[in-house]
C-alpha atoms as a PDB file:
ATOM      1  CA  UNK A   1      -3.182 -22.502   6.766  1.00  0.00           C
ATOM      2  CA  UNK A   2      -2.032 -19.617   8.899  1.00  0.00           C
ATOM      3  CA  UNK A   3      -3.043 -15.975   8.635  1.00  0.00           C
ATOM      4  CA  UNK A   4      -1.068 -13.050  10.013  1.00  0.00           C
ATOM      5  CA  UNK A   5      -2.862 -10.898  12.588  1.00  0.00           C
ATOM      6  CA  UNK A   6      -1.889  -7.304  13.290  1.00  0.00           C
ATOM      7  CA  UNK A   7      -2.846  -5.957  16.707  1.00  0.00           C
ATOM      8  CA  UNK A   8      -3.549  -2.252  16.276  1.00  0.00           C
ATOM      9  CA  UNK A   9      -3.454   0.234  19.123  1.00  0.00           C
ATOM     10  CA  UNK A  10      -4.278   3.527  17.418  1.00  0.00           C
ATOM     11  CA  UNK A  11      -3.703   6.601  19.555  1.00  0.00           C
ATOM     12  CA  UNK A  12      -6.113   9.527  19.522  1.00  0.00           C
ATOM     13  CA  UNK A  13      -5.703  11.668  16.422  1.00  0.00           C
ATOM     14  CA  UNK A  14      -2.758  14.046  16.627  1.00  0.00           C
ATOM     15  CA  UNK A  15      -1.587  15.386  13.246  1.00  0.00           C
ATOM     16  CA  UNK A  16       1.569  16.835  14.831  1.00  0.00           C
ATOM     17  CA  UNK A  17       2.541  13.331  15.988  1.00  0.00           C
ATOM     18  CA  UNK A  18       1.666  11.760  12.635  1.00  0.00           C
ATOM     19  CA  UNK A  19      -1.558  10.100  13.848  1.00  0.00           C
ATOM     20  CA  UNK A  20      -4.447  11.020  11.538  1.00  0.00           C
ATOM     21  CA  UNK A  21      -8.135  10.963  12.330  1.00  0.00           C
ATOM     22  CA  UNK A  22      -9.314   7.785  10.599  1.00  0.00           C
ATOM     23  CA  UNK A  23     -12.963   8.660  10.088  1.00  0.00           C
ATOM     24  CA  UNK A  24     -12.620  11.206   7.232  1.00  0.00           C
ATOM     25  CA  UNK A  25     -10.009   9.030   5.518  1.00  0.00           C
ATOM     26  CA  UNK A  26     -12.122   5.894   5.694  1.00  0.00           C
ATOM     27  CA  UNK A  27     -15.240   7.752   4.521  1.00  0.00           C
ATOM     28  CA  UNK A  28     -13.500   8.310   1.168  1.00  0.00           C
ATOM     29  CA  UNK A  29     -13.011   4.570   0.497  1.00  0.00           C
ATOM     30  CA  UNK A  30     -14.684   2.865  -2.446  1.00  0.00           C
ATOM     31  CA  UNK A  31     -17.427   0.298  -1.844  1.00  0.00           C
ATOM     32  CA  UNK A  32     -14.984  -2.568  -2.480  1.00  0.00           C
ATOM     33  CA  UNK A  33     -12.497  -1.181   0.046  1.00  0.00           C
ATOM     34  CA  UNK A  34     -15.320  -0.673   2.548  1.00  0.00           C
ATOM     35  CA  UNK A  35     -16.252  -4.348   2.173  1.00  0.00           C
ATOM     36  CA  UNK A  36     -12.626  -5.268   2.755  1.00  0.00           C
ATOM     37  CA  UNK A  37     -12.473  -3.236   5.958  1.00  0.00           C
ATOM     38  CA  UNK A  38     -15.763  -4.721   7.177  1.00  0.00           C
ATOM     39  CA  UNK A  39     -14.688  -8.320   6.620  1.00  0.00           C
ATOM     40  CA  UNK A  40     -11.051  -8.152   7.731  1.00  0.00           C
ATOM     41  CA  UNK A  41     -11.141  -6.289  11.056  1.00  0.00           C
ATOM     42  CA  UNK A  42     -11.716  -8.091  14.339  1.00  0.00           C
ATOM     43  CA  UNK A  43     -12.054  -7.323  18.030  1.00  0.00           C
ATOM     44  CA  UNK A  44      -9.063  -8.004  20.267  1.00  0.00           C
ATOM     45  CA  UNK A  45      -9.346 -11.519  21.705  1.00  0.00           C
ATOM     46  CA  UNK A  46     -11.545 -11.796  24.754  1.00  0.00           C
ATOM     47  CA  UNK A  47     -10.694 -15.470  25.074  1.00  0.00           C
ATOM     48  CA  UNK A  48      -7.490 -16.979  23.648  1.00  0.00           C
ATOM     49  CA  UNK A  49      -8.012 -18.451  20.207  1.00  0.00           C
ATOM     50  CA  UNK A  50     -11.277 -16.707  19.354  1.00  0.00           C
ATOM     51  CA  UNK A  51     -11.993 -14.165  16.648  1.00  0.00           C
ATOM     52  CA  UNK A  52     -15.024 -11.881  16.525  1.00  0.00           C
ATOM     53  CA  UNK A  53     -15.753  -9.355  13.790  1.00  0.00           C
ATOM     54  CA  UNK A  54     -15.206  -5.755  14.861  1.00  0.00           C
ATOM     55  CA  UNK A  55     -18.753  -4.772  13.912  1.00  0.00           C
ATOM     56  CA  UNK A  56     -21.977  -6.538  13.022  1.00  0.00           C
ATOM     57  CA  UNK A  57     -22.378  -7.074   9.294  1.00  0.00           C
ATOM     58  CA  UNK A  58     -25.693  -6.418   7.606  1.00  0.00           C
ATOM     59  CA  UNK A  59     -26.620  -6.720   3.951  1.00  0.00           C
ATOM     60  CA  UNK A  60     -26.409  -2.964   3.353  1.00  0.00           C
ATOM     61  CA  UNK A  61     -22.699  -2.109   3.097  1.00  0.00           C
ATOM     62  CA  UNK A  62     -23.304   1.578   3.843  1.00  0.00           C
ATOM     63  CA  UNK A  63     -25.151   0.807   7.084  1.00  0.00           C
ATOM     64  CA  UNK A  64     -22.457  -1.648   8.207  1.00  0.00           C
ATOM     65  CA  UNK A  65     -19.713   0.793   7.299  1.00  0.00           C
ATOM     66  CA  UNK A  66     -21.359   3.684   9.162  1.00  0.00           C
ATOM     67  CA  UNK A  67     -21.332   1.445  12.223  1.00  0.00           C
ATOM     68  CA  UNK A  68     -17.658   0.606  11.674  1.00  0.00           C
ATOM     69  CA  UNK A  69     -16.755   4.299  11.388  1.00  0.00           C
ATOM     70  CA  UNK A  70     -18.097   4.907  14.885  1.00  0.00           C
ATOM     71  CA  UNK A  71     -16.023   2.014  16.215  1.00  0.00           C
ATOM     72  CA  UNK A  72     -12.847   3.144  14.409  1.00  0.00           C
ATOM     73  CA  UNK A  73     -13.176   6.886  15.082  1.00  0.00           C
ATOM     74  CA  UNK A  74      -9.986   7.882  16.902  1.00  0.00           C
ATOM     75  CA  UNK A  75     -10.675  11.638  16.944  1.00  0.00           C
ATOM     76  CA  UNK A  76     -10.731  11.781  20.746  1.00  0.00           C
ATOM     77  CA  UNK A  77      -9.748   8.352  22.063  1.00  0.00           C
ATOM     78  CA  UNK A  78      -7.503   5.399  21.315  1.00  0.00           C
ATOM     79  CA  UNK A  79      -8.895   2.438  19.372  1.00  0.00           C
ATOM     80  CA  UNK A  80      -7.811  -1.206  19.551  1.00  0.00           C
ATOM     81  CA  UNK A  81      -8.594  -3.810  16.909  1.00  0.00           C
ATOM     82  CA  UNK A  82      -7.064  -6.692  14.967  1.00  0.00           C
ATOM     83  CA  UNK A  83      -6.555  -6.670  11.199  1.00  0.00           C
ATOM     84  CA  UNK A  84      -5.469  -9.210   8.624  1.00  0.00           C
ATOM     85  CA  UNK A  85      -3.332  -8.436   5.563  1.00  0.00           C
ATOM     86  CA  UNK A  86      -6.123  -7.047   3.371  1.00  0.00           C
ATOM     87  CA  UNK A  87      -7.164  -4.443   5.957  1.00  0.00           C
ATOM     88  CA  UNK A  88      -3.541  -3.676   6.834  1.00  0.00           C
ATOM     89  CA  UNK A  89      -2.864  -2.758   3.197  1.00  0.00           C
ATOM     90  CA  UNK A  90      -5.574  -0.086   3.414  1.00  0.00           C
ATOM     91  CA  UNK A  91      -4.656   1.160   6.910  1.00  0.00           C
ATOM     92  CA  UNK A  92      -0.956   1.411   5.963  1.00  0.00           C
ATOM     93  CA  UNK A  93      -1.845   4.336   3.709  1.00  0.00           C
ATOM     94  CA  UNK A  94      -2.356   6.531   6.768  1.00  0.00           C
ATOM     95  CA  UNK A  95      -1.295   4.934  10.036  1.00  0.00           C
ATOM     96  CA  UNK A  96       2.306   4.951  11.244  1.00  0.00           C
ATOM     97  CA  UNK A  97       4.028   1.600  11.821  1.00  0.00           C
ATOM     98  CA  UNK A  98       3.934   2.376  15.551  1.00  0.00           C
ATOM     99  CA  UNK A  99       0.135   1.851  15.480  1.00  0.00           C
ATOM    100  CA  UNK A 100       0.792  -1.896  15.262  1.00  0.00           C
ATOM    101  CA  UNK A 101       1.299  -3.181  18.801  1.00  0.00           C
ATOM    102  CA  UNK A 102       2.072  -6.745  17.759  1.00  0.00           C
ATOM    103  CA  UNK A 103       1.998  -9.332  14.975  1.00  0.00           C
ATOM    104  CA  UNK A 104       1.119 -13.008  15.343  1.00  0.00           C
ATOM    105  CA  UNK A 105       0.020 -16.030  13.341  1.00  0.00           C
ATOM    106  CA  UNK A 106      -3.409 -17.654  13.637  1.00  0.00           C
ATOM    107  CA  UNK A 107      -4.751 -20.904  12.192  1.00  0.00           C
ATOM    108  CA  UNK A 108      -7.455 -19.915   9.711  1.00  0.00           C
ATOM    109  CA  UNK A 109      -9.178 -23.291  10.113  1.00  0.00           C
ATOM    110  CA  UNK A 110     -10.386 -22.023  13.480  1.00  0.00           C
ATOM    111  CA  UNK A 111     -12.662 -19.566  11.676  1.00  0.00           C
ATOM    112  CA  UNK A 112     -14.791 -22.580  10.724  1.00  0.00           C
ATOM    113  CA  UNK A 113     -15.210 -23.607  14.370  1.00  0.00           C
ATOM    114  CA  UNK A 114     -18.147 -21.899  16.103  1.00  0.00           C
ATOM    115  CA  UNK A 115     -16.268 -21.606  19.373  1.00  0.00           C
ATOM    116  CA  UNK A 116     -12.703 -21.278  18.059  1.00  0.00           C
ATOM    117  CA  UNK A 117     -11.448 -23.953  20.462  1.00  0.00           C
ATOM    118  CA  UNK A 118     -11.647 -27.073  18.325  1.00  0.00           C
ATOM    119  CA  UNK A 119     -15.241 -27.968  19.246  1.00  0.00           C
ATOM    120  CA  UNK A 120     -18.194 -27.840  16.891  1.00  0.00           C
END
């Protein structure tokens, strides 16, 4: 099964250019939407074929989300990350289409491989 990956390159916040500051928008999300963001955002690939969560997940959703807000805060600098469809649906509320630098397909079975390269 394949999953669609969206490579985001979010410029620093500039309301005049249609690029909002994500932090205050994300802070208003419900707990369910926060969980979605936490579990469906990834770091850009460091090695081809690997996926790593954008932030470390802990049992307390609020603590994990506070950590994610720091990582996603584009108030003063650009942010790069990868999203899957569930996160994209939330981010599409605010980010312009130009924030997506690329779209690609990825084999979801690789998520079950510790190293993402076919080895166990």
